[in-house]
Amino acid sequence: MTIKVGINGFGRIGRMVFRAAVQNFDDIEIVGINDLLDPDYLAYMLKFDSVHGRFQGDVAVDGNTLVVNGKRIRLTAERDPANLKWNEVGADVVVESTGLFLTKETCEKHIAAGAKKVIQSAPSKDDTPMFVYGVNHDKYAGETIISNASCTTNCLAPIAKVLNDSFGIKRGLMTTVHAATATQKTVDGPSMKDWRGGRGILENMIPSSTGAAKAVGKVIPELNGLLTGMSIRVPTSDVSVVDLTVELKNDATYADICSAMKDASEGNMKGVLGYTNEKVVSTDFRGESCTSTFDEGAGIALDNTFVKVVSWYDNEWGYSSKVLEMIRVMQK
């Protein structure tokens, strides 16, 4: 059965969801895109990408229709989701990727417009249920509106789950060394809520806040209140890395931890958690669909209860791929 998907917001994640669907998800068809930009410009941004390269396929515009590999996709430019008439294109699920509609109340507008379900491509701003594919997707119980959490939570949660299931986590601190996103500025400029965040990313590493670690408590309830973290934005265009330092409840050597991660990567977390013992760097993970790749050689242990683990993620491609995996779960 083909799952029909609409995309609201054709930014970095919206476009990566589209590319991943065309490239790797034969059972998912994009039937509508809503964005305020002109159709010709939407087509241009789909065709050419500074990080992920040229789109491998034919892209054309016919009025308010995007034609990709011969398939016609409706384009709209509505500010209010309530006006989107998703029923006209038969949208089963809408990917809410504007970053503007992150509550149940605002996403209900998509439902009122004819969509059956909505998945937010960011952490929700209310009590919308949050899911990380590979960690708690099996708890999905037919909810109409869900959040796919953040790219960083999608990297952190799998390794936190393995550590907690295998050895128990007493407490932990996370740092994500995170590639630049659209919120960064190329030169110094105004940023009233986050003064550091207004500094130019080309010249700086910029400390920032993140709710990604605390959000793990929403997808793994037994870790609620046990993890927190921060972010450092760096002058790279894509691929980020999580550095998680934890105090374990039960003794484990670093070799024990590596073994548990490898078992998970080959077992119930295959395709979600990767494992590497190669001498890798960030660009080696560009285009990686696993949302978390444990790096055996990058972690360290002080003793048998105090350990640092490191895991890589393509914060664009990996995350977008799991949005689509979660859509499959929603439509089962």
C-alpha atoms as a PDB file:
ATOM      1  CA  MET A   1       0.000   0.000   0.000  1.00  0.00           C
ATOM      2  CA  THR A   2       1.327   3.436  -0.955  1.00  0.00           C
ATOM      3  CA  ILE A   3       1.433   6.003   1.849  1.00  0.00           C
ATOM      4  CA  LYS A   4       0.590   9.499   0.632  1.00  0.00           C
ATOM      5  CA  VAL A   5       2.526  12.260   2.371  1.00  0.00           C
ATOM      6  CA  GLY A   6       2.275  16.040   2.375  1.00  0.00           C
ATOM      7  CA  ILE A   7       5.119  18.338   3.413  1.00  0.00           C
ATOM      8  CA  ASN A   8       4.515  21.697   5.086  1.00  0.00           C
ATOM      9  CA  GLY A   9       7.751  23.687   4.912  1.00  0.00           C
ATOM     10  CA  PHE A  10      10.338  22.892   2.225  1.00  0.00           C
ATOM     11  CA  GLY A  11      13.463  23.864   4.172  1.00  0.00           C
ATOM     12  CA  ARG A  12      16.443  21.644   5.014  1.00  0.00           C
ATOM     13  CA  ILE A  13      14.388  18.852   6.602  1.00  0.00           C
ATOM     14  CA  GLY A  14      11.446  19.171   4.216  1.00  0.00           C
ATOM     15  CA  ARG A  15      13.751  18.750   1.225  1.00  0.00           C
ATOM     16  CA  MET A  16      15.729  15.904   2.792  1.00  0.00           C
ATOM     17  CA  VAL A  17      12.486  14.071   3.615  1.00  0.00           C
ATOM     18  CA  PHE A  18      11.517  14.483  -0.039  1.00  0.00           C
ATOM     19  CA  ARG A  19      14.893  13.252  -1.339  1.00  0.00           C
ATOM     20  CA  ALA A  20      14.974  10.285   1.028  1.00  0.00           C
ATOM     21  CA  ALA A  21      11.405   9.308   0.105  1.00  0.00           C
ATOM     22  CA  VAL A  22      12.206   9.320  -3.618  1.00  0.00           C
ATOM     23  CA  GLN A  23      15.534   7.538  -3.149  1.00  0.00           C
ATOM     24  CA  ASN A  24      14.800   4.905  -0.498  1.00  0.00           C
ATOM     25  CA  PHE A  25      11.063   4.598   0.237  1.00  0.00           C
ATOM     26  CA  ASP A  26       9.154   3.074  -2.678  1.00  0.00           C
ATOM     27  CA  ASP A  27       6.012   2.787  -0.551  1.00  0.00           C
ATOM     28  CA  ILE A  28       5.850   6.523   0.219  1.00  0.00           C
ATOM     29  CA  GLU A  29       4.607   9.075  -2.310  1.00  0.00           C
ATOM     30  CA  ILE A  30       4.896  12.827  -1.761  1.00  0.00           C
ATOM     31  CA  VAL A  31       1.601  14.290  -2.990  1.00  0.00           C
ATOM     32  CA  GLY A  32       1.774  17.910  -1.845  1.00  0.00           C
ATOM     33  CA  ILE A  33       4.235  20.571  -0.714  1.00  0.00           C
ATOM     34  CA  ASN A  34       3.277  23.817   0.983  1.00  0.00           C
ATOM     35  CA  ASP A  35       5.850  26.601   1.095  1.00  0.00           C
ATOM     36  CA  LEU A  36       5.677  30.352   0.567  1.00  0.00           C
ATOM     37  CA  LEU A  37       8.455  30.383  -2.047  1.00  0.00           C
ATOM     38  CA  ASP A  38       7.835  30.434  -5.804  1.00  0.00           C
ATOM     39  CA  PRO A  39       7.500  27.037  -7.545  1.00  0.00           C
ATOM     40  CA  ASP A  40      10.561  27.626  -9.750  1.00  0.00           C
ATOM     41  CA  TYR A  41      12.681  28.386  -6.694  1.00  0.00           C
ATOM     42  CA  LEU A  42      11.410  25.307  -4.834  1.00  0.00           C
ATOM     43  CA  ALA A  43      12.433  23.215  -7.846  1.00  0.00           C
ATOM     44  CA  TYR A  44      15.861  24.877  -7.910  1.00  0.00           C
ATOM     45  CA  MET A  45      16.485  24.145  -4.218  1.00  0.00           C
ATOM     46  CA  LEU A  46      15.446  20.528  -4.719  1.00  0.00           C
ATOM     47  CA  LYS A  47      17.747  20.114  -7.733  1.00  0.00           C
ATOM     48  CA  PHE A  48      20.883  21.606  -6.202  1.00  0.00           C
ATOM     49  CA  ASP A  49      22.199  21.153  -2.670  1.00  0.00           C
ATOM     50  CA  SER A  50      25.544  22.360  -1.327  1.00  0.00           C
ATOM     51  CA  VAL A  51      25.781  19.492   1.166  1.00  0.00           C
ATOM     52  CA  HIS A  52      24.126  16.497  -0.481  1.00  0.00           C
ATOM     53  CA  GLY A  53      24.797  17.308  -4.137  1.00  0.00           C
ATOM     54  CA  ARG A  54      22.500  17.264  -7.144  1.00  0.00           C
ATOM     55  CA  PHE A  55      19.131  15.553  -6.960  1.00  0.00           C
ATOM     56  CA  GLN A  56      19.306  12.263  -8.840  1.00  0.00           C
ATOM     57  CA  GLY A  57      16.174  12.573 -10.955  1.00  0.00           C
ATOM     58  CA  ASP A  58      14.179  14.794 -13.284  1.00  0.00           C
ATOM     59  CA  VAL A  59      12.663  17.950 -11.803  1.00  0.00           C
ATOM     60  CA  ALA A  60      10.334  20.331 -13.642  1.00  0.00           C
ATOM     61  CA  VAL A  61       7.586  22.836 -12.870  1.00  0.00           C
ATOM     62  CA  ASP A  62       4.188  22.997 -14.550  1.00  0.00           C
ATOM     63  CA  GLY A  63       2.301  25.968 -13.127  1.00  0.00           C
ATOM     64  CA  ASN A  64       1.640  25.164  -9.468  1.00  0.00           C
ATOM     65  CA  THR A  65       2.754  21.573  -9.898  1.00  0.00           C
ATOM     66  CA  LEU A  66       6.186  20.086  -9.273  1.00  0.00           C
ATOM     67  CA  VAL A  67       6.928  17.217 -11.656  1.00  0.00           C
ATOM     68  CA  VAL A  68       9.555  14.784 -10.329  1.00  0.00           C
ATOM     69  CA  ASN A  69      10.437  11.702 -12.375  1.00  0.00           C
ATOM     70  CA  GLY A  70       7.095  12.093 -14.139  1.00  0.00           C
ATOM     71  CA  LYS A  71       5.032  12.259 -10.937  1.00  0.00           C
ATOM     72  CA  ARG A  72       2.979  15.395 -10.315  1.00  0.00           C
ATOM     73  CA  ILE A  73       3.070  17.010  -6.861  1.00  0.00           C
ATOM     74  CA  ARG A  74       0.733  19.822  -5.877  1.00  0.00           C
ATOM     75  CA  LEU A  75       2.400  23.054  -4.742  1.00  0.00           C
ATOM     76  CA  THR A  76       0.642  25.563  -2.495  1.00  0.00           C
ATOM     77  CA  ALA A  77       1.701  28.745  -0.699  1.00  0.00           C
ATOM     78  CA  GLU A  78      -0.663  29.050   2.264  1.00  0.00           C
ATOM     79  CA  ARG A  79       0.317  30.700   5.546  1.00  0.00           C
ATOM     80  CA  ASP A  80      -2.525  29.008   7.434  1.00  0.00           C
ATOM     81  CA  PRO A  81      -2.466  25.173   7.436  1.00  0.00           C
ATOM     82  CA  ALA A  82      -6.258  25.184   7.780  1.00  0.00           C
ATOM     83  CA  ASN A  83      -6.457  26.248   4.116  1.00  0.00           C
ATOM     84  CA  LEU A  84      -4.370  23.409   2.695  1.00  0.00           C
ATOM     85  CA  LYS A  85      -7.164  21.037   1.570  1.00  0.00           C
ATOM     86  CA  TRP A  86      -5.040  17.926   2.114  1.00  0.00           C
ATOM     87  CA  ASN A  87      -8.103  15.816   1.345  1.00  0.00           C
ATOM     88  CA  GLU A  88      -7.826  16.886  -2.308  1.00  0.00           C
ATOM     89  CA  VAL A  89      -4.481  15.075  -2.642  1.00  0.00           C
ATOM     90  CA  GLY A  90      -5.390  12.252  -0.244  1.00  0.00           C
ATOM     91  CA  ALA A  91      -2.622  12.959   2.264  1.00  0.00           C
ATOM     92  CA  ASP A  92      -2.395  10.197   4.868  1.00  0.00           C
ATOM     93  CA  VAL A  93       0.329  11.951   6.867  1.00  0.00           C
ATOM     94  CA  VAL A  94       1.632  15.521   6.832  1.00  0.00           C
ATOM     95  CA  VAL A  95       5.240  16.269   7.757  1.00  0.00           C
ATOM     96  CA  GLU A  96       5.118  19.543   9.683  1.00  0.00           C
ATOM     97  CA  SER A  97       8.592  20.931   8.977  1.00  0.00           C
ATOM     98  CA  THR A  98       8.139  24.699   9.134  1.00  0.00           C
ATOM     99  CA  GLY A  99       9.184  24.781  12.789  1.00  0.00           C
ATOM    100  CA  LEU A 100       6.193  27.049  13.396  1.00  0.00           C
ATOM    101  CA  PHE A 101       3.400  24.605  14.278  1.00  0.00           C
ATOM    102  CA  LEU A 102       4.677  22.471  17.137  1.00  0.00           C
ATOM    103  CA  THR A 103       1.596  21.997  19.317  1.00  0.00           C
ATOM    104  CA  LYS A 104      -1.427  19.750  19.033  1.00  0.00           C
ATOM    105  CA  GLU A 105      -3.647  22.805  18.670  1.00  0.00           C
ATOM    106  CA  THR A 106      -1.775  24.247  15.687  1.00  0.00           C
ATOM    107  CA  CYS A 107      -1.290  20.855  14.014  1.00  0.00           C
ATOM    108  CA  GLU A 108      -5.019  20.179  14.305  1.00  0.00           C
ATOM    109  CA  LYS A 109      -5.341  22.661  11.431  1.00  0.00           C
ATOM    110  CA  HIS A 110      -3.803  20.040   9.133  1.00  0.00           C
ATOM    111  CA  ILE A 111      -6.392  17.532  10.344  1.00  0.00           C
ATOM    112  CA  ALA A 112      -9.188  20.049   9.775  1.00  0.00           C
ATOM    113  CA  ALA A 113      -7.798  20.533   6.251  1.00  0.00           C
ATOM    114  CA  GLY A 114      -8.199  16.821   5.504  1.00  0.00           C
ATOM    115  CA  ALA A 115      -4.953  15.169   6.593  1.00  0.00           C
ATOM    116  CA  LYS A 116      -5.336  11.984   8.610  1.00  0.00           C
ATOM    117  CA  LYS A 117      -2.180  12.333  10.749  1.00  0.00           C
ATOM    118  CA  VAL A 118       0.684  14.754  11.411  1.00  0.00           C
ATOM    119  CA  ILE A 119       4.334  14.223  12.356  1.00  0.00           C
ATOM    120  CA  GLN A 120       6.327  17.212  13.622  1.00  0.00           C
ATOM    121  CA  SER A 121       9.978  17.272  12.519  1.00  0.00           C
ATOM    122  CA  ALA A 122      11.108  18.920  15.763  1.00  0.00           C
ATOM    123  CA  PRO A 123      10.489  18.611  19.502  1.00  0.00           C
ATOM    124  CA  SER A 124       6.933  19.639  20.369  1.00  0.00           C
ATOM    125  CA  LYS A 125       6.242  22.698  22.507  1.00  0.00           C
ATOM    126  CA  ASP A 126       3.463  20.948  24.468  1.00  0.00           C
ATOM    127  CA  ASP A 127       2.638  17.391  25.539  1.00  0.00           C
ATOM    128  CA  THR A 128       2.461  15.996  21.992  1.00  0.00           C
ATOM    129  CA  PRO A 129       3.740  12.381  22.193  1.00  0.00           C
ATOM    130  CA  MET A 130       7.398  12.135  21.179  1.00  0.00           C
ATOM    131  CA  PHE A 131       8.885   9.157  19.360  1.00  0.00           C
ATOM    132  CA  VAL A 132      12.395   8.106  18.369  1.00  0.00           C
ATOM    133  CA  TYR A 133      12.372   5.342  15.778  1.00  0.00           C
ATOM    134  CA  GLY A 134      14.267   2.330  17.102  1.00  0.00           C
ATOM    135  CA  VAL A 135      13.844   3.371  20.737  1.00  0.00           C
ATOM    136  CA  ASN A 136      10.147   3.771  21.525  1.00  0.00           C
ATOM    137  CA  HIS A 137       8.355   3.536  18.164  1.00  0.00           C
ATOM    138  CA  ASP A 138       6.803   0.269  19.340  1.00  0.00           C
ATOM    139  CA  LYS A 139       4.836   2.328  21.893  1.00  0.00           C
ATOM    140  CA  TYR A 140       2.968   4.154  19.114  1.00  0.00           C
ATOM    141  CA  ALA A 141      -0.749   3.581  19.676  1.00  0.00           C
ATOM    142  CA  GLY A 142      -2.459   5.348  16.812  1.00  0.00           C
ATOM    143  CA  GLU A 143      -1.998   8.949  17.965  1.00  0.00           C
ATOM    144  CA  THR A 144      -3.103  11.471  15.342  1.00  0.00           C
ATOM    145  CA  ILE A 145      -0.347  14.017  16.013  1.00  0.00           C
ATOM    146  CA  ILE A 146       3.186  13.102  17.109  1.00  0.00           C
ATOM    147  CA  SER A 147       6.659  14.607  17.322  1.00  0.00           C
ATOM    148  CA  ASN A 148       9.733  12.925  15.842  1.00  0.00           C
ATOM    149  CA  ALA A 149      11.895  14.679  18.497  1.00  0.00           C
ATOM    150  CA  SER A 150      15.139  16.361  17.382  1.00  0.00           C
ATOM    151  CA  CYS A 151      18.056  15.075  15.335  1.00  0.00           C
ATOM    152  CA  THR A 152      20.216  15.097  18.478  1.00  0.00           C
ATOM    153  CA  THR A 153      17.666  13.174  20.557  1.00  0.00           C
ATOM    154  CA  ASN A 154      17.530  10.638  17.711  1.00  0.00           C
ATOM    155  CA  CYS A 155      21.298  10.164  18.094  1.00  0.00           C
ATOM    156  CA  LEU A 156      21.438  10.212  21.881  1.00  0.00           C
ATOM    157  CA  ALA A 157      18.434   8.028  22.719  1.00  0.00           C
ATOM    158  CA  PRO A 158      19.707   4.796  21.070  1.00  0.00           C
ATOM    159  CA  ILE A 159      23.068   4.828  22.883  1.00  0.00           C
ATOM    160  CA  ALA A 160      21.413   5.887  26.146  1.00  0.00           C
ATOM    161  CA  LYS A 161      18.951   3.007  25.825  1.00  0.00           C
ATOM    162  CA  VAL A 162      21.716   0.452  25.257  1.00  0.00           C
ATOM    163  CA  LEU A 163      23.697   1.754  28.239  1.00  0.00           C
ATOM    164  CA  ASN A 164      20.655   1.854  30.497  1.00  0.00           C
ATOM    165  CA  ASP A 165      19.283  -1.546  29.459  1.00  0.00           C
ATOM    166  CA  SER A 166      22.686  -3.214  29.810  1.00  0.00           C
ATOM    167  CA  PHE A 167      24.291  -1.490  32.794  1.00  0.00           C
ATOM    168  CA  GLY A 168      21.902   1.141  34.185  1.00  0.00           C
ATOM    169  CA  ILE A 169      22.494   4.899  34.034  1.00  0.00           C
ATOM    170  CA  LYS A 170      22.765   6.765  37.341  1.00  0.00           C
ATOM    171  CA  ARG A 171      23.162  10.175  35.667  1.00  0.00           C
ATOM    172  CA  GLY A 172      24.744  11.722  32.611  1.00  0.00           C
ATOM    173  CA  LEU A 173      25.826  14.841  30.740  1.00  0.00           C
ATOM    174  CA  MET A 174      25.806  15.245  26.965  1.00  0.00           C
ATOM    175  CA  THR A 175      27.564  17.633  24.626  1.00  0.00           C
ATOM    176  CA  THR A 176      26.674  17.675  20.953  1.00  0.00           C
ATOM    177  CA  VAL A 177      29.277  19.197  18.665  1.00  0.00           C
ATOM    178  CA  HIS A 178      26.754  20.316  16.091  1.00  0.00           C
ATOM    179  CA  ALA A 179      27.071  21.434  12.486  1.00  0.00           C
ATOM    180  CA  ALA A 180      25.718  24.869  11.617  1.00  0.00           C
ATOM    181  CA  THR A 181      22.018  25.195  10.824  1.00  0.00           C
ATOM    182  CA  ALA A 182      19.867  27.992   9.411  1.00  0.00           C
ATOM    183  CA  THR A 183      19.786  29.674  12.832  1.00  0.00           C
ATOM    184  CA  GLN A 184      23.493  30.548  12.621  1.00  0.00           C
ATOM    185  CA  LYS A 185      24.687  33.798  11.049  1.00  0.00           C
ATOM    186  CA  THR A 186      27.582  34.050   8.604  1.00  0.00           C
ATOM    187  CA  VAL A 187      28.713  37.359  10.172  1.00  0.00           C
ATOM    188  CA  ASP A 188      27.931  38.891  13.569  1.00  0.00           C
ATOM    189  CA  GLY A 189      24.345  40.103  13.799  1.00  0.00           C
ATOM    190  CA  PRO A 190      21.496  40.696  16.232  1.00  0.00           C
ATOM    191  CA  SER A 191      20.183  37.766  18.260  1.00  0.00           C
ATOM    192  CA  MET A 192      18.244  39.172  21.189  1.00  0.00           C
ATOM    193  CA  LYS A 193      17.395  35.893  22.949  1.00  0.00           C
ATOM    194  CA  ASP A 194      20.831  34.300  22.493  1.00  0.00           C
ATOM    195  CA  TRP A 195      23.669  36.797  22.249  1.00  0.00           C
ATOM    196  CA  ARG A 196      26.301  34.166  21.503  1.00  0.00           C
ATOM    197  CA  GLY A 197      24.052  32.741  18.796  1.00  0.00           C
ATOM    198  CA  GLY A 198      24.285  36.018  16.901  1.00  0.00           C
ATOM    199  CA  ARG A 199      28.033  35.654  16.352  1.00  0.00           C
ATOM    200  CA  GLY A 200      29.320  34.598  12.945  1.00  0.00           C
ATOM    201  CA  ILE A 201      29.616  30.836  12.513  1.00  0.00           C
ATOM    202  CA  LEU A 202      32.473  31.080   9.991  1.00  0.00           C
ATOM    203  CA  GLU A 203      34.845  32.295  12.719  1.00  0.00           C
ATOM    204  CA  ASN A 204      33.534  30.676  15.882  1.00  0.00           C
ATOM    205  CA  MET A 205      32.584  27.661  17.913  1.00  0.00           C
ATOM    206  CA  ILE A 206      29.377  28.780  19.627  1.00  0.00           C
ATOM    207  CA  PRO A 207      28.079  27.289  22.910  1.00  0.00           C
ATOM    208  CA  SER A 208      24.313  26.901  22.863  1.00  0.00           C
ATOM    209  CA  SER A 209      21.512  25.339  24.853  1.00  0.00           C
ATOM    210  CA  THR A 210      19.693  22.178  23.762  1.00  0.00           C
ATOM    211  CA  GLY A 211      16.765  20.264  25.172  1.00  0.00           C
ATOM    212  CA  ALA A 212      17.835  17.087  23.397  1.00  0.00           C
ATOM    213  CA  ALA A 213      19.184  15.287  26.475  1.00  0.00           C
ATOM    214  CA  LYS A 214      16.209  16.144  28.681  1.00  0.00           C
ATOM    215  CA  ALA A 215      13.903  15.004  25.864  1.00  0.00           C
ATOM    216  CA  VAL A 216      15.360  11.491  26.147  1.00  0.00           C
ATOM    217  CA  GLY A 217      13.296  11.254  29.341  1.00  0.00           C
ATOM    218  CA  LYS A 218      10.163  11.571  27.221  1.00  0.00           C
ATOM    219  CA  VAL A 219      11.062   8.578  25.059  1.00  0.00           C
ATOM    220  CA  ILE A 220      12.781   6.548  27.813  1.00  0.00           C
ATOM    221  CA  PRO A 221      10.739   7.423  30.945  1.00  0.00           C
ATOM    222  CA  GLU A 222      13.128   5.696  33.360  1.00  0.00           C
ATOM    223  CA  LEU A 223      15.811   8.238  32.342  1.00  0.00           C
ATOM    224  CA  ASN A 224      13.591  11.251  33.007  1.00  0.00           C
ATOM    225  CA  GLY A 225      15.561  13.804  35.023  1.00  0.00           C
ATOM    226  CA  LEU A 226      18.829  11.851  34.768  1.00  0.00           C
ATOM    227  CA  LEU A 227      20.297  13.477  31.639  1.00  0.00           C
ATOM    228  CA  THR A 228      20.935  17.038  30.517  1.00  0.00           C
ATOM    229  CA  GLY A 229      23.245  18.585  27.979  1.00  0.00           C
ATOM    230  CA  MET A 230      24.521  21.429  25.860  1.00  0.00           C
ATOM    231  CA  SER A 231      25.479  22.110  22.264  1.00  0.00           C
ATOM    232  CA  ILE A 232      28.488  23.674  20.597  1.00  0.00           C
ATOM    233  CA  ARG A 233      27.770  24.890  17.061  1.00  0.00           C
ATOM    234  CA  VAL A 234      30.803  24.606  14.788  1.00  0.00           C
ATOM    235  CA  PRO A 235      31.713  25.852  11.275  1.00  0.00           C
ATOM    236  CA  THR A 236      30.774  22.689   9.353  1.00  0.00           C
ATOM    237  CA  SER A 237      27.782  22.288   7.047  1.00  0.00           C
ATOM    238  CA  ASP A 238      26.474  18.871   8.116  1.00  0.00           C
ATOM    239  CA  VAL A 239      27.130  15.892  10.420  1.00  0.00           C
ATOM    240  CA  SER A 240      27.283  16.257  14.187  1.00  0.00           C
ATOM    241  CA  VAL A 241      28.565  14.135  17.063  1.00  0.00           C
ATOM    242  CA  VAL A 242      27.213  13.325  20.523  1.00  0.00           C
ATOM    243  CA  ASP A 243      29.606  13.052  23.461  1.00  0.00           C
ATOM    244  CA  LEU A 244      27.788  11.367  26.359  1.00  0.00           C
ATOM    245  CA  THR A 245      29.428  11.005  29.772  1.00  0.00           C
ATOM    246  CA  VAL A 246      27.569   8.798  32.235  1.00  0.00           C
ATOM    247  CA  GLU A 247      27.899   7.276  35.657  1.00  0.00           C
ATOM    248  CA  LEU A 248      26.731   3.670  35.460  1.00  0.00           C
ATOM    249  CA  LYS A 249      24.809   1.805  38.138  1.00  0.00           C
ATOM    250  CA  ASN A 250      26.618  -1.472  37.440  1.00  0.00           C
ATOM    251  CA  ASP A 251      30.265  -2.126  36.660  1.00  0.00           C
ATOM    252  CA  ALA A 252      31.231  -2.456  32.995  1.00  0.00           C
ATOM    253  CA  THR A 253      34.545  -2.330  31.187  1.00  0.00           C
ATOM    254  CA  TYR A 254      34.768  -0.230  28.039  1.00  0.00           C
ATOM    255  CA  ALA A 255      34.995  -3.493  26.106  1.00  0.00           C
ATOM    256  CA  ASP A 256      31.689  -4.579  27.686  1.00  0.00           C
ATOM    257  CA  ILE A 257      30.081  -1.341  26.520  1.00  0.00           C
ATOM    258  CA  CYS A 258      31.427  -1.744  22.987  1.00  0.00           C
ATOM    259  CA  SER A 259      30.118  -5.305  22.899  1.00  0.00           C
ATOM    260  CA  ALA A 260      26.636  -4.183  23.979  1.00  0.00           C
ATOM    261  CA  MET A 261      26.599  -1.452  21.319  1.00  0.00           C
ATOM    262  CA  LYS A 262      27.758  -3.854  18.612  1.00  0.00           C
ATOM    263  CA  ASP A 263      25.125  -6.429  19.566  1.00  0.00           C
ATOM    264  CA  ALA A 264      22.386  -3.781  19.418  1.00  0.00           C
ATOM    265  CA  SER A 265      23.631  -2.461  16.069  1.00  0.00           C
ATOM    266  CA  GLU A 266      23.402  -5.964  14.603  1.00  0.00           C
ATOM    267  CA  GLY A 267      20.174  -6.863  16.400  1.00  0.00           C
ATOM    268  CA  ASN A 268      17.072  -4.931  17.416  1.00  0.00           C
ATOM    269  CA  MET A 269      18.587  -1.537  16.545  1.00  0.00           C
ATOM    270  CA  LYS A 270      19.961  -2.476  13.134  1.00  0.00           C
ATOM    271  CA  GLY A 271      19.491   0.428  10.734  1.00  0.00           C
ATOM    272  CA  VAL A 272      19.117   2.870  13.627  1.00  0.00           C
ATOM    273  CA  LEU A 273      22.325   2.397  15.618  1.00  0.00           C
ATOM    274  CA  GLY A 274      25.488   1.899  13.599  1.00  0.00           C
ATOM    275  CA  TYR A 275      28.894   0.772  14.852  1.00  0.00           C
ATOM    276  CA  THR A 276      32.371   1.637  13.625  1.00  0.00           C
ATOM    277  CA  ASN A 277      35.933   0.835  14.657  1.00  0.00           C
ATOM    278  CA  GLU A 278      37.442   2.771  11.736  1.00  0.00           C
ATOM    279  CA  LYS A 279      39.440   6.023  12.076  1.00  0.00           C
ATOM    280  CA  VAL A 280      36.525   8.132  10.885  1.00  0.00           C
ATOM    281  CA  VAL A 281      35.841  11.885  10.783  1.00  0.00           C
ATOM    282  CA  SER A 282      32.609  13.809  10.357  1.00  0.00           C
ATOM    283  CA  THR A 283      32.312  13.888   6.550  1.00  0.00           C
ATOM    284  CA  ASP A 284      32.463  10.088   6.504  1.00  0.00           C
ATOM    285  CA  PHE A 285      28.883  10.127   7.824  1.00  0.00           C
ATOM    286  CA  ARG A 286      27.359  12.438   5.239  1.00  0.00           C
ATOM    287  CA  GLY A 287      24.373  10.580   3.793  1.00  0.00           C
ATOM    288  CA  GLU A 288      24.300   8.007   6.630  1.00  0.00           C
ATOM    289  CA  SER A 289      20.735   6.884   7.337  1.00  0.00           C
ATOM    290  CA  CYS A 290      21.494   5.455  10.799  1.00  0.00           C
ATOM    291  CA  THR A 291      20.598   8.179  13.276  1.00  0.00           C
ATOM    292  CA  SER A 292      23.426   7.185  15.618  1.00  0.00           C
ATOM    293  CA  THR A 293      26.766   5.524  14.815  1.00  0.00           C
ATOM    294  CA  PHE A 294      28.769   4.468  17.872  1.00  0.00           C
ATOM    295  CA  ASP A 295      32.502   5.175  17.487  1.00  0.00           C
ATOM    296  CA  GLU A 296      34.454   2.463  19.310  1.00  0.00           C
ATOM    297  CA  GLY A 297      37.784   4.295  19.109  1.00  0.00           C
ATOM    298  CA  ALA A 298      36.542   7.696  20.286  1.00  0.00           C
ATOM    299  CA  GLY A 299      35.170   6.789  23.722  1.00  0.00           C
ATOM    300  CA  ILE A 300      37.063   6.484  27.005  1.00  0.00           C
ATOM    301  CA  ALA A 301      36.484   5.099  30.495  1.00  0.00           C
ATOM    302  CA  LEU A 302      37.942   6.417  33.742  1.00  0.00           C
ATOM    303  CA  ASP A 303      36.894   3.304  35.639  1.00  0.00           C
ATOM    304  CA  ASN A 304      34.142   0.687  35.467  1.00  0.00           C
ATOM    305  CA  THR A 305      31.300   3.095  36.291  1.00  0.00           C
ATOM    306  CA  PHE A 306      32.402   6.403  34.724  1.00  0.00           C
ATOM    307  CA  VAL A 307      32.528   6.435  30.934  1.00  0.00           C
ATOM    308  CA  LYS A 308      32.335   8.662  27.879  1.00  0.00           C
ATOM    309  CA  VAL A 309      30.803   7.331  24.658  1.00  0.00           C
ATOM    310  CA  VAL A 310      30.776   9.038  21.265  1.00  0.00           C
ATOM    311  CA  SER A 311      28.260   8.660  18.446  1.00  0.00           C
ATOM    312  CA  TRP A 312      27.980  10.345  15.028  1.00  0.00           C
ATOM    313  CA  TYR A 313      24.898  11.457  13.103  1.00  0.00           C
ATOM    314  CA  ASP A 314      24.037  13.152   9.835  1.00  0.00           C
ATOM    315  CA  ASN A 315      21.697  15.662  11.434  1.00  0.00           C
ATOM    316  CA  GLU A 316      19.887  16.190   8.111  1.00  0.00           C
ATOM    317  CA  TRP A 317      19.780  12.900   6.211  1.00  0.00           C
ATOM    318  CA  GLY A 318      19.664  10.438   9.094  1.00  0.00           C
ATOM    319  CA  TYR A 319      16.916  12.346  10.879  1.00  0.00           C
ATOM    320  CA  SER A 320      14.825  12.782   7.719  1.00  0.00           C
ATOM    321  CA  SER A 321      15.111   9.067   6.972  1.00  0.00           C
ATOM    322  CA  LYS A 322      13.678   8.247  10.386  1.00  0.00           C
ATOM    323  CA  VAL A 323      10.797  10.694   9.898  1.00  0.00           C
ATOM    324  CA  LEU A 324       9.832   8.433   6.989  1.00  0.00           C
ATOM    325  CA  GLU A 325      10.360   5.243   9.016  1.00  0.00           C
ATOM    326  CA  MET A 326       8.077   6.676  11.690  1.00  0.00           C
ATOM    327  CA  ILE A 327       5.459   7.472   9.042  1.00  0.00           C
ATOM    328  CA  ARG A 328       5.475   3.770   8.129  1.00  0.00           C
ATOM    329  CA  VAL A 329       4.805   2.943  11.780  1.00  0.00           C
ATOM    330  CA  MET A 330       1.937   5.443  11.877  1.00  0.00           C
ATOM    331  CA  GLN A 331       0.288   3.806   8.862  1.00  0.00           C
ATOM    332  CA  LYS A 332       0.594   0.157   9.922  1.00  0.00           C
END
